[in-house]
């Protein structure tokens, strides 16, 4: 494979003739087999014959390898080293998305309570004829029901929750509701 220099090196310094003198960053890429390819490669091998080798197990092996590789890469340099290593894999991305997709009920309820207090305080007037506190309360409750019904419909249709649906989308619905 031939990669463009700009994709591999960062912070490059060149001499007047255009020759590379130094680079501040280097990127390396390791291409791994897909779970299907790994399964096919070791199918029928004596090492996997007795363990019920499957494509799912191959995927599990790849995920474990990626996690271990990232861990070893991060531990490779001593604490006082001048270099830094930032390892990343598709499994790392999946782990990050999974961590941000978990919904904290306390934060959701707290967010709606703050929004409810804000709506009531800003719309409440001492003159009861001009006060619109009940309208603010009804609006916040309507937004809460819309968010709950939208997430319920996604669950009913089998759409997986991710960071966009549980974190970002919810903020948009709360603020624009």
Protein backbone atom coordinates (compact mmCIF):
# COMPACT_ATOMS: atom_id res chain seq x y z
CA UNK A 1 0.00 0.00 0.00
CA UNK A 2 1.17 3.50 -0.72
CA UNK A 3 -0.18 6.29 1.47
CA UNK A 4 0.16 10.01 0.90
CA UNK A 5 2.69 11.61 3.22
CA UNK A 6 0.12 14.08 4.55
CA UNK A 7 -2.04 11.21 5.81
CA UNK A 8 0.77 9.66 7.84
CA UNK A 9 2.83 12.58 9.14
CA UNK A 10 1.85 15.72 10.99
CA UNK A 11 3.75 18.88 11.93
CA UNK A 12 6.25 18.39 9.14
CA UNK A 13 9.28 20.66 8.68
CA UNK A 14 11.06 20.75 5.33
CA UNK A 15 14.28 22.25 4.07
CA UNK A 16 14.30 24.75 1.14
CA UNK A 17 14.64 21.87 -1.35
CA UNK A 18 11.46 20.26 0.00
CA UNK A 19 13.14 17.37 1.80
CA UNK A 20 11.51 16.27 5.04
CA UNK A 21 13.59 17.29 8.07
CA UNK A 22 11.31 16.24 10.92
CA UNK A 23 7.73 15.38 11.76
CA UNK A 24 5.93 15.85 15.04
CA UNK A 25 3.38 13.08 14.52
CA UNK A 26 3.25 9.68 12.89
CA UNK A 27 0.13 7.68 12.23
CA UNK A 28 0.17 3.93 11.76
CA UNK A 29 -2.74 1.84 10.59
CA UNK A 30 -3.21 -1.88 11.14
CA UNK A 31 -5.74 -3.57 8.91
CA UNK A 32 -7.47 -6.51 10.57
CA UNK A 33 -9.56 -9.29 9.15
CA UNK A 34 -13.30 -9.07 9.42
CA UNK A 35 -14.96 -11.58 11.76
CA UNK A 36 -16.07 -13.55 8.71
CA UNK A 37 -12.55 -13.66 7.27
CA UNK A 38 -11.06 -14.73 10.61
CA UNK A 39 -13.68 -17.44 10.96
CA UNK A 40 -12.99 -18.74 7.46
CA UNK A 41 -9.22 -18.63 8.03
CA UNK A 42 -9.32 -20.79 11.16
CA UNK A 43 -12.32 -22.97 10.27
CA UNK A 44 -11.21 -26.58 10.33
CA UNK A 45 -7.92 -25.75 12.06
CA UNK A 46 -6.88 -28.15 14.82
CA UNK A 47 -6.76 -25.25 17.32
CA UNK A 48 -10.42 -24.34 16.79
CA UNK A 49 -11.80 -27.80 16.07
CA UNK A 50 -12.97 -28.59 19.60
CA UNK A 51 -14.21 -25.18 20.75
CA UNK A 52 -17.25 -24.75 18.49
CA UNK A 53 -15.59 -22.06 16.36
CA UNK A 54 -18.13 -19.62 14.94
CA UNK A 55 -18.25 -16.21 13.32
CA UNK A 56 -19.48 -14.69 16.60
CA UNK A 57 -16.48 -16.12 18.43
CA UNK A 58 -14.20 -14.72 15.74
CA UNK A 59 -15.75 -11.28 16.32
CA UNK A 60 -15.21 -11.65 20.06
CA UNK A 61 -11.56 -12.57 19.47
CA UNK A 62 -11.08 -9.49 17.26
CA UNK A 63 -12.69 -7.20 19.84
CA UNK A 64 -10.53 -8.62 22.63
CA UNK A 65 -7.41 -8.24 20.47
CA UNK A 66 -8.25 -4.60 19.69
CA UNK A 67 -8.90 -3.76 23.34
CA UNK A 68 -5.65 -5.42 24.42
CA UNK A 69 -3.69 -3.69 21.64
CA UNK A 70 -5.00 -0.26 22.68
CA UNK A 71 -4.16 -1.02 26.33
CA UNK A 72 -0.62 -2.15 25.50
CA UNK A 73 -0.04 0.84 23.22
CA UNK A 74 -1.11 3.25 25.95
CA UNK A 75 1.16 1.52 28.49
CA UNK A 76 4.13 1.32 26.10
CA UNK A 77 5.79 4.62 27.04
CA UNK A 78 7.04 5.47 30.52
CA UNK A 79 5.38 8.33 32.39
CA UNK A 80 8.25 10.77 31.77
CA UNK A 81 8.52 10.15 28.01
CA UNK A 82 8.43 13.12 25.67
CA UNK A 83 6.33 11.24 23.13
CA UNK A 84 2.65 10.43 23.34
CA UNK A 85 0.77 7.46 21.95
CA UNK A 86 -2.91 7.69 21.14
CA UNK A 87 -4.28 4.30 20.12
CA UNK A 88 -7.76 3.97 18.66
CA UNK A 89 -9.76 1.11 17.19
CA UNK A 90 -13.27 0.42 15.98
CA UNK A 91 -13.91 -1.41 19.26
CA UNK A 92 -12.82 1.71 21.15
CA UNK A 93 -15.38 3.72 19.18
CA UNK A 94 -18.07 1.15 19.98
CA UNK A 95 -17.14 1.32 23.68
CA UNK A 96 -17.34 5.12 23.67
CA UNK A 97 -20.72 5.12 21.93
CA UNK A 98 -22.01 2.51 24.36
CA UNK A 99 -20.84 4.55 27.35
CA UNK A 100 -22.51 7.72 26.07
CA UNK A 101 -25.69 5.89 25.09
CA UNK A 102 -26.52 4.93 28.64
CA UNK A 103 -29.23 7.20 29.98
CA UNK A 104 -29.09 8.45 33.54
CA UNK A 105 -32.67 8.73 34.77
CA UNK A 106 -31.61 11.19 37.48
CA UNK A 107 -30.09 13.54 34.90
CA UNK A 108 -33.14 13.34 32.65
CA UNK A 109 -35.53 14.04 35.52
CA UNK A 110 -33.24 16.80 36.80
CA UNK A 111 -33.14 18.40 33.35
CA UNK A 112 -36.91 18.41 33.08
CA UNK A 113 -37.31 19.78 36.61
CA UNK A 114 -34.91 22.62 35.81
CA UNK A 115 -36.75 23.30 32.55
CA UNK A 116 -40.07 23.21 34.41
CA UNK A 117 -38.81 25.66 37.04
CA UNK A 118 -37.41 27.97 34.36
CA UNK A 119 -40.66 27.94 32.37
CA UNK A 120 -42.78 28.62 35.43
CA UNK A 121 -40.53 31.38 36.80
CA UNK A 122 -40.20 33.21 33.49
CA UNK A 123 -43.89 32.97 32.59
CA UNK A 124 -45.32 33.50 36.07
CA UNK A 125 -46.71 36.96 36.84
CA UNK A 126 -48.07 38.35 40.11
CA UNK A 127 -51.21 39.41 38.31
CA UNK A 128 -53.09 36.14 37.89
CA UNK A 129 -54.96 37.38 34.82
CA UNK A 130 -51.68 37.91 32.91
CA UNK A 131 -49.76 34.96 34.33
CA UNK A 132 -48.90 32.17 31.92
CA UNK A 133 -47.21 29.81 34.38
CA UNK A 134 -49.74 27.07 33.63
CA UNK A 135 -48.99 27.41 29.91
CA UNK A 136 -45.27 26.95 30.62
CA UNK A 137 -46.02 23.94 32.81
CA UNK A 138 -48.21 22.40 30.11
CA UNK A 139 -45.58 23.06 27.45
CA UNK A 140 -42.83 21.35 29.41
CA UNK A 141 -45.07 18.37 30.16
CA UNK A 142 -46.00 18.16 26.47
CA UNK A 143 -42.33 18.13 25.47
CA UNK A 144 -41.61 15.43 28.07
CA UNK A 145 -44.44 13.29 26.69
CA UNK A 146 -43.22 13.84 23.12
CA UNK A 147 -39.69 12.76 24.02
CA UNK A 148 -40.95 9.71 25.92
CA UNK A 149 -43.25 8.70 23.08
CA UNK A 150 -40.49 9.18 20.50
CA UNK A 151 -38.06 7.00 22.46
CA UNK A 152 -40.82 4.47 23.08
CA UNK A 153 -41.60 4.30 19.36
CA UNK A 154 -37.90 3.78 18.61
CA UNK A 155 -37.81 0.93 21.13
CA UNK A 156 -40.97 -0.57 19.64
CA UNK A 157 -39.51 -0.45 16.12
CA UNK A 158 -36.25 -1.95 17.35
CA UNK A 159 -34.12 1.11 16.59
CA UNK A 160 -31.06 0.98 18.83
CA UNK A 161 -30.46 3.88 21.14
CA UNK A 162 -27.13 5.63 20.65
CA UNK A 163 -25.51 8.86 21.78
CA UNK A 164 -27.48 10.90 19.25
CA UNK A 165 -30.91 9.63 20.32
CA UNK A 166 -30.31 9.65 24.05
CA UNK A 167 -28.08 12.67 24.57
CA UNK A 168 -28.05 15.11 21.67
CA UNK A 169 -31.57 14.61 20.35
CA UNK A 170 -33.04 14.99 23.79
CA UNK A 171 -31.39 18.37 24.33
CA UNK A 172 -32.73 19.59 20.99
CA UNK A 173 -36.23 18.45 21.85
CA UNK A 174 -36.07 20.06 25.29
CA UNK A 175 -34.83 23.42 24.05
CA UNK A 176 -36.97 23.64 20.94
CA UNK A 177 -40.01 21.94 22.42
